[in-house]
Amino acid sequence: MSKIAQPSHGGAKSDQRKIYTDWANNRLRKSGLSDSLVTDLQKDIPDGVLLPKIIQAVIQEKVPAVVEISDDNERRQNIEACVLFLQRKGVNCAGFTSKDISE
């Protein structure tokens, strides 16, 4: 295989991030939640604002116990609420915790 045909490791990750970013933004738009869109998954998901919106866009149900964020503690509370909500919906969250997401 030629060197040109082989994706670089950084390029493949970048491509994956773009695919997931586009997917999330598409879901947000379709659900009428496009007031905030994802620009950088690694920075936007831990902000405690976009994750609940993305979950709502996918499941068509609001994540309970999400609060307006005014400090780091509330940001972490929102992420924890998302993880607990997903677990109650039957999503296997064994490979990560809310702390993993928020850091």
Protein backbone atom coordinates (compact mmCIF):
# COMPACT_ATOMS: atom_id res chain seq x y z
CA MET A 1 0.00 0.00 0.00
CA SER A 2 1.37 3.40 -0.90
CA LYS A 3 2.19 5.94 1.75
CA ILE A 4 -0.47 8.30 0.35
CA ALA A 5 -3.24 5.71 0.79
CA GLN A 6 -2.37 5.10 4.43
CA PRO A 7 -4.11 7.49 6.83
CA SER A 8 -1.91 9.01 9.48
CA HIS A 9 -2.90 8.29 13.06
CA GLY A 10 -3.64 11.94 13.76
CA GLY A 11 -5.65 12.28 10.57
CA ALA A 12 -7.84 9.26 11.36
CA LYS A 13 -8.65 10.66 14.82
CA SER A 14 -9.38 14.03 13.29
CA ASP A 15 -11.68 12.41 10.74
CA GLN A 16 -13.52 10.51 13.49
CA ARG A 17 -13.98 13.68 15.54
CA LYS A 18 -15.39 15.47 12.51
CA ILE A 19 -17.80 12.60 11.80
CA TYR A 20 -19.05 12.55 15.41
CA THR A 21 -19.21 16.34 15.56
CA ASP A 22 -21.26 16.46 12.35
CA TRP A 23 -23.53 13.67 13.64
CA ALA A 24 -24.15 15.43 16.97
CA ASN A 25 -24.83 18.77 15.27
CA ASN A 26 -27.19 17.11 12.81
CA ARG A 27 -29.16 15.57 15.68
CA LEU A 28 -29.25 18.90 17.52
CA ARG A 29 -30.54 20.69 14.42
CA LYS A 30 -33.21 18.06 13.71
CA SER A 31 -34.44 18.33 17.31
CA GLY A 32 -34.58 22.12 17.29
CA LEU A 33 -31.74 22.36 19.80
CA SER A 34 -29.26 24.06 17.53
CA ASP A 35 -28.84 27.16 19.69
CA SER A 36 -25.53 25.58 20.75
CA LEU A 37 -23.58 23.37 18.40
CA VAL A 38 -20.49 21.24 18.94
CA THR A 39 -17.27 22.78 17.66
CA ASP A 40 -14.77 20.62 19.57
CA LEU A 41 -15.97 17.36 21.14
CA GLN A 42 -13.20 17.23 23.72
CA LYS A 43 -14.00 20.72 24.99
CA ASP A 44 -17.75 20.90 24.43
CA ILE A 45 -18.94 17.60 25.90
CA PRO A 46 -17.41 18.24 29.36
CA ASP A 47 -18.95 21.73 29.54
CA GLY A 48 -22.11 20.30 31.14
CA VAL A 49 -24.39 22.09 28.68
CA LEU A 50 -24.07 20.28 25.35
CA LEU A 51 -24.06 16.69 26.63
CA PRO A 52 -27.62 16.91 28.03
CA LYS A 53 -28.77 18.54 24.79
CA ILE A 54 -27.18 15.84 22.63
CA ILE A 55 -28.77 13.12 24.77
CA GLN A 56 -32.13 14.88 24.48
CA ALA A 57 -31.72 15.15 20.72
CA VAL A 58 -31.00 11.43 20.40
CA ILE A 59 -33.51 10.04 22.92
CA GLN A 60 -36.17 12.75 22.51
CA GLU A 61 -36.39 13.07 26.28
CA LYS A 62 -34.89 15.72 28.56
CA VAL A 63 -32.26 14.64 31.04
CA PRO A 64 -33.76 15.30 34.49
CA ALA A 65 -31.90 17.26 37.17
CA VAL A 66 -29.93 19.38 34.68
CA VAL A 67 -29.36 22.89 36.03
CA GLU A 68 -28.20 26.21 34.62
CA ILE A 69 -24.45 26.27 35.07
CA SER A 70 -22.80 28.98 37.07
CA ASP A 71 -19.84 27.07 38.48
CA ASP A 72 -17.72 23.94 38.11
CA ASN A 73 -19.76 22.00 40.66
CA GLU A 74 -22.97 22.47 38.64
CA ARG A 75 -21.13 21.47 35.46
CA ARG A 76 -20.11 18.20 37.13
CA GLN A 77 -23.66 17.72 38.47
CA ASN A 78 -25.05 17.95 34.94
CA ILE A 79 -22.58 15.39 33.64
CA GLU A 80 -23.40 13.05 36.54
CA ALA A 81 -27.13 13.51 35.81
CA CYS A 82 -26.46 12.51 32.18
CA VAL A 83 -24.54 9.37 33.12
CA LEU A 84 -27.22 8.30 35.62
CA PHE A 85 -29.96 8.99 33.07
CA LEU A 86 -28.18 6.87 30.45
CA GLN A 87 -27.70 4.04 32.95
CA ARG A 88 -31.42 4.11 33.81
CA LYS A 89 -32.14 3.88 30.08
CA GLY A 90 -30.05 0.71 29.90
CA VAL A 91 -26.89 2.18 28.39
CA ASN A 92 -23.79 0.36 29.61
CA CYS A 93 -21.62 3.06 31.13
CA ALA A 94 -19.17 0.62 32.72
CA GLY A 95 -16.20 1.95 30.75
CA PHE A 96 -16.43 5.54 31.97
CA THR A 97 -17.61 7.77 34.80
CA SER A 98 -18.87 11.31 34.97
CA LYS A 99 -15.41 12.25 36.27
CA ASP A 100 -13.86 10.85 33.08
CA ILE A 101 -16.12 13.08 31.01
CA SER A 102 -15.71 16.22 33.09
CA GLU A 103 -11.91 16.20 33.08
